[in-house]
């Protein structure tokens, strides 16, 4: 599985960084895990979540303005080999993968 995730990229826009710091209260040096969670049995049953955590088997990691963002190997299946961009519009955090 590690070979498949080498092409993945985790991108955090300046707007998202501002949101993480201002709205979510994250500060310099913190580590933020992006994970996949089940939300419903509807058309899109899975969504992304975020939490403070310590990496155990990180598949993709990026550092932006002294904040570390990562996804564990067990969660990257949802990206289907695509990169993930975190952005913010207004007060809404946007997870865009393409």
N, C-alpha and C. Protein backbone atom coordinates (compact mmCIF):
# COMPACT_ATOMS: atom_id res chain seq x y z
N UNK A 1 0.81 -1.19 0.00
CA UNK A 1 0.00 0.00 0.00
C UNK A 1 0.86 1.26 0.00
N UNK A 2 1.99 1.25 0.62
CA UNK A 2 2.87 2.43 0.69
C UNK A 2 3.23 2.94 -0.70
N UNK A 3 3.46 2.04 -1.67
CA UNK A 3 3.83 2.47 -3.01
C UNK A 3 2.71 3.27 -3.68
N UNK A 4 1.45 2.92 -3.39
CA UNK A 4 0.32 3.60 -3.98
C UNK A 4 0.17 5.02 -3.46
N UNK A 5 0.55 5.29 -2.23
CA UNK A 5 0.31 6.59 -1.64
C UNK A 5 1.46 7.57 -1.84
N UNK A 6 2.53 7.16 -2.49
CA UNK A 6 3.66 8.05 -2.69
C UNK A 6 3.31 9.28 -3.52
N UNK A 7 2.33 9.18 -4.42
CA UNK A 7 1.95 10.29 -5.27
C UNK A 7 0.95 11.23 -4.60
N UNK A 8 0.43 10.88 -3.46
CA UNK A 8 -0.54 11.73 -2.77
C UNK A 8 0.13 12.99 -2.26
N UNK A 9 -0.66 14.05 -2.24
CA UNK A 9 -0.17 15.32 -1.73
C UNK A 9 -1.25 15.91 -0.84
N UNK A 10 -0.85 16.48 0.26
CA UNK A 10 -1.74 17.15 1.18
C UNK A 10 -1.41 18.64 1.11
N UNK A 11 -2.36 19.43 0.62
CA UNK A 11 -2.14 20.86 0.40
C UNK A 11 -3.01 21.64 1.37
N UNK A 12 -2.42 22.61 2.04
CA UNK A 12 -3.15 23.45 2.98
C UNK A 12 -3.01 24.90 2.51
N UNK A 13 -4.11 25.51 2.13
CA UNK A 13 -4.08 26.88 1.62
C UNK A 13 -3.88 27.87 2.77
N UNK A 14 -3.43 29.09 2.45
CA UNK A 14 -3.32 30.13 3.48
C UNK A 14 -4.65 30.40 4.19
N UNK A 15 -5.75 30.35 3.42
CA UNK A 15 -7.08 30.56 4.03
C UNK A 15 -7.39 29.47 5.05
N UNK A 16 -7.04 28.22 4.72
CA UNK A 16 -7.27 27.12 5.65
C UNK A 16 -6.39 27.26 6.89
N UNK A 17 -5.14 27.66 6.71
CA UNK A 17 -4.25 27.87 7.85
C UNK A 17 -4.82 28.92 8.80
N UNK A 18 -5.32 29.98 8.23
CA UNK A 18 -5.93 31.04 9.04
C UNK A 18 -7.13 30.50 9.81
N UNK A 19 -7.95 29.69 9.16
CA UNK A 19 -9.12 29.08 9.79
C UNK A 19 -8.71 28.14 10.92
N UNK A 20 -7.70 27.32 10.68
CA UNK A 20 -7.24 26.39 11.72
C UNK A 20 -6.75 27.16 12.94
N UNK A 21 -6.08 28.26 12.72
CA UNK A 21 -5.55 29.04 13.84
C UNK A 21 -6.63 29.88 14.52
N UNK A 22 -7.41 30.59 13.72
CA UNK A 22 -8.40 31.52 14.26
C UNK A 22 -9.65 30.81 14.78
N UNK A 23 -10.27 29.99 13.96
CA UNK A 23 -11.55 29.36 14.31
C UNK A 23 -11.40 28.10 15.16
N UNK A 24 -10.36 27.32 14.89
CA UNK A 24 -10.20 26.03 15.57
C UNK A 24 -9.22 26.11 16.73
N UNK A 25 -8.47 27.19 16.85
CA UNK A 25 -7.58 27.37 17.99
C UNK A 25 -6.29 26.57 17.95
N UNK A 26 -5.88 26.10 16.78
CA UNK A 26 -4.61 25.39 16.67
C UNK A 26 -3.47 26.40 16.75
N UNK A 27 -2.38 25.98 17.37
CA UNK A 27 -1.24 26.88 17.49
C UNK A 27 0.04 26.20 17.00
N UNK A 28 1.07 27.00 16.84
CA UNK A 28 2.36 26.55 16.32
C UNK A 28 2.82 25.26 17.00
N UNK A 29 3.29 24.31 16.19
CA UNK A 29 3.83 23.07 16.70
C UNK A 29 2.82 21.94 16.84
N UNK A 30 1.54 22.22 16.64
CA UNK A 30 0.53 21.16 16.81
C UNK A 30 0.48 20.25 15.59
N UNK A 31 -0.03 19.03 15.82
CA UNK A 31 -0.13 18.01 14.79
C UNK A 31 -1.62 17.71 14.59
N UNK A 32 -2.06 17.77 13.34
CA UNK A 32 -3.47 17.65 13.01
C UNK A 32 -3.68 16.46 12.08
N UNK A 33 -4.50 15.54 12.52
CA UNK A 33 -4.81 14.35 11.72
C UNK A 33 -6.08 14.59 10.92
N UNK A 34 -6.02 14.28 9.63
CA UNK A 34 -7.18 14.28 8.75
C UNK A 34 -7.59 12.82 8.61
N UNK A 35 -8.84 12.51 8.93
CA UNK A 35 -9.27 11.11 8.88
C UNK A 35 -10.61 10.99 8.17
N UNK A 36 -10.97 9.77 7.80
CA UNK A 36 -12.23 9.47 7.15
C UNK A 36 -13.16 8.89 8.19
N UNK A 37 -14.42 9.39 8.16
CA UNK A 37 -15.39 8.89 9.12
C UNK A 37 -16.71 8.61 8.42
N UNK A 38 -17.45 7.67 8.97
CA UNK A 38 -18.77 7.33 8.46
C UNK A 38 -19.77 8.36 8.97
N UNK A 39 -20.57 8.94 8.08
CA UNK A 39 -21.53 9.96 8.50
C UNK A 39 -22.98 9.59 8.24
N UNK A 40 -23.25 8.72 7.24
CA UNK A 40 -24.64 8.31 6.98
C UNK A 40 -24.66 7.20 5.94
N UNK A 41 -25.83 6.67 5.73
CA UNK A 41 -26.01 5.65 4.71
C UNK A 41 -26.47 6.25 3.40
N UNK A 42 -26.36 7.55 3.25
CA UNK A 42 -26.84 8.26 2.07
C UNK A 42 -25.91 8.13 0.88
N UNK A 43 -26.08 9.08 -0.04
CA UNK A 43 -25.32 9.06 -1.29
C UNK A 43 -23.81 9.17 -1.06
N UNK A 44 -23.39 9.97 -0.09
CA UNK A 44 -21.98 10.10 0.28
C UNK A 44 -21.87 9.71 1.76
N UNK A 45 -21.62 8.43 2.04
CA UNK A 45 -21.65 7.97 3.43
C UNK A 45 -20.41 8.30 4.27
N UNK A 46 -19.37 8.82 3.63
CA UNK A 46 -18.14 9.13 4.35
C UNK A 46 -17.78 10.61 4.20
N UNK A 47 -17.08 11.14 5.19
CA UNK A 47 -16.62 12.52 5.16
C UNK A 47 -15.29 12.60 5.89
N UNK A 48 -14.62 13.74 5.78
CA UNK A 48 -13.37 13.94 6.48
C UNK A 48 -13.63 14.53 7.86
N UNK A 49 -12.76 14.20 8.79
CA UNK A 49 -12.76 14.79 10.11
C UNK A 49 -11.35 15.25 10.44
N UNK A 50 -11.24 16.08 11.47
CA UNK A 50 -9.92 16.53 11.91
C UNK A 50 -9.83 16.39 13.43
N UNK A 51 -8.63 16.13 13.91
CA UNK A 51 -8.39 16.02 15.34
C UNK A 51 -6.91 16.23 15.63
N UNK A 52 -6.61 16.59 16.86
CA UNK A 52 -5.21 16.61 17.30
C UNK A 52 -4.83 15.16 17.59
N UNK A 53 -3.69 14.74 17.10
CA UNK A 53 -3.30 13.35 17.29
C UNK A 53 -1.80 13.20 17.03
N UNK A 54 -1.29 12.01 17.29
CA UNK A 54 0.10 11.67 17.04
C UNK A 54 0.14 10.62 15.94
N UNK A 55 0.93 10.81 14.88
CA UNK A 55 0.99 9.83 13.80
C UNK A 55 1.48 8.46 14.29
N UNK A 56 0.83 7.41 13.75
CA UNK A 56 1.25 6.04 14.03
C UNK A 56 1.77 5.37 12.76
N UNK A 57 1.07 5.61 11.64
CA UNK A 57 1.46 5.07 10.34
C UNK A 57 1.06 6.08 9.26
N UNK A 58 1.67 7.26 9.31
CA UNK A 58 1.31 8.35 8.40
C UNK A 58 1.66 7.98 6.96
N UNK A 59 0.69 8.18 6.07
CA UNK A 59 0.91 7.91 4.65
C UNK A 59 1.29 9.19 3.91
N UNK A 60 0.79 10.31 4.38
CA UNK A 60 1.08 11.59 3.76
C UNK A 60 1.12 12.66 4.86
N UNK A 61 2.12 13.53 4.77
CA UNK A 61 2.33 14.56 5.79
C UNK A 61 2.76 15.85 5.11
N UNK A 62 2.31 16.97 5.65
CA UNK A 62 2.79 18.26 5.19
C UNK A 62 2.86 19.21 6.38
N UNK A 63 3.83 20.11 6.34
CA UNK A 63 3.99 21.12 7.38
C UNK A 63 3.76 22.48 6.73
N UNK A 64 2.87 23.26 7.34
CA UNK A 64 2.56 24.59 6.83
C UNK A 64 2.49 25.55 8.02
N UNK A 65 3.30 26.57 7.99
CA UNK A 65 3.37 27.57 9.06
C UNK A 65 3.41 26.93 10.46
N UNK A 66 4.30 25.98 10.60
CA UNK A 66 4.57 25.32 11.88
C UNK A 66 3.42 24.45 12.39
N UNK A 67 2.46 24.11 11.52
CA UNK A 67 1.42 23.13 11.84
C UNK A 67 1.68 21.91 10.96
N UNK A 68 1.60 20.73 11.54
CA UNK A 68 1.80 19.48 10.79
C UNK A 68 0.44 18.84 10.54
N UNK A 69 0.16 18.53 9.29
CA UNK A 69 -1.07 17.87 8.87
C UNK A 69 -0.69 16.50 8.32
N UNK A 70 -1.50 15.49 8.62
CA UNK A 70 -1.19 14.16 8.10
C UNK A 70 -2.44 13.30 7.98
N UNK A 71 -2.31 12.23 7.19
CA UNK A 71 -3.33 11.19 7.09
C UNK A 71 -2.66 9.85 7.32
N UNK A 72 -3.31 9.01 8.08
CA UNK A 72 -2.81 7.65 8.33
C UNK A 72 -3.03 6.78 7.09
N UNK A 73 -2.24 5.76 6.95
CA UNK A 73 -2.36 4.82 5.84
C UNK A 73 -3.76 4.23 5.73
N UNK A 74 -4.39 3.97 6.86
CA UNK A 74 -5.72 3.35 6.84
C UNK A 74 -6.81 4.29 6.33
N UNK A 75 -6.53 5.58 6.17
CA UNK A 75 -7.54 6.53 5.72
C UNK A 75 -7.38 7.00 4.28
N UNK A 76 -6.24 6.78 3.65
CA UNK A 76 -6.01 7.32 2.31
C UNK A 76 -6.79 6.59 1.22
N UNK A 77 -7.39 5.44 1.53
CA UNK A 77 -8.19 4.73 0.53
C UNK A 77 -9.28 5.64 -0.04
N UNK A 78 -9.80 6.54 0.78
CA UNK A 78 -10.90 7.41 0.38
C UNK A 78 -10.48 8.39 -0.72
N UNK A 79 -9.22 8.71 -0.80
CA UNK A 79 -8.74 9.65 -1.81
C UNK A 79 -8.60 9.02 -3.19
N UNK A 80 -8.58 7.70 -3.25
CA UNK A 80 -8.45 6.96 -4.52
C UNK A 80 -7.27 7.45 -5.35
N UNK A 81 -6.14 7.71 -4.69
CA UNK A 81 -4.93 8.13 -5.38
C UNK A 81 -4.86 9.61 -5.71
N UNK A 82 -5.84 10.39 -5.26
CA UNK A 82 -5.86 11.82 -5.54
C UNK A 82 -5.23 12.60 -4.40
N UNK A 83 -4.88 13.85 -4.67
CA UNK A 83 -4.36 14.72 -3.62
C UNK A 83 -5.50 15.40 -2.90
N UNK A 84 -5.26 15.82 -1.67
CA UNK A 84 -6.27 16.48 -0.86
C UNK A 84 -5.83 17.92 -0.60
N UNK A 85 -6.73 18.87 -0.88
CA UNK A 85 -6.46 20.28 -0.60
C UNK A 85 -7.44 20.75 0.46
N UNK A 86 -6.90 21.33 1.53
CA UNK A 86 -7.72 21.92 2.57
C UNK A 86 -7.80 23.41 2.31
N UNK A 87 -9.03 23.93 2.25
CA UNK A 87 -9.24 25.34 1.98
C UNK A 87 -10.34 25.82 2.93
N UNK A 88 -10.57 27.11 2.93
CA UNK A 88 -11.59 27.69 3.79
C UNK A 88 -12.34 28.76 3.01
N UNK A 89 -13.65 28.69 3.04
CA UNK A 89 -14.50 29.71 2.43
C UNK A 89 -15.42 30.23 3.53
N UNK A 90 -15.22 31.51 3.88
CA UNK A 90 -15.95 32.06 5.02
C UNK A 90 -15.44 31.40 6.28
N UNK A 91 -16.32 30.73 6.98
CA UNK A 91 -15.93 29.98 8.18
C UNK A 91 -15.98 28.46 7.94
N UNK A 92 -16.23 28.06 6.70
CA UNK A 92 -16.38 26.65 6.36
C UNK A 92 -15.09 26.05 5.83
N UNK A 93 -14.63 24.97 6.45
CA UNK A 93 -13.45 24.26 6.00
C UNK A 93 -13.85 23.36 4.84
N UNK A 94 -13.11 23.46 3.74
CA UNK A 94 -13.42 22.71 2.52
C UNK A 94 -12.34 21.66 2.30
N UNK A 95 -12.78 20.41 2.08
CA UNK A 95 -11.88 19.31 1.74
C UNK A 95 -12.09 19.02 0.26
N UNK A 96 -11.10 19.30 -0.57
CA UNK A 96 -11.21 19.13 -2.00
C UNK A 96 -10.17 18.12 -2.46
N UNK A 97 -10.62 17.03 -3.07
CA UNK A 97 -9.63 16.10 -3.58
C UNK A 97 -9.89 15.85 -5.07
N UNK A 98 -8.78 15.98 -5.81
CA UNK A 98 -8.86 15.83 -7.27
C UNK A 98 -7.53 15.32 -7.82
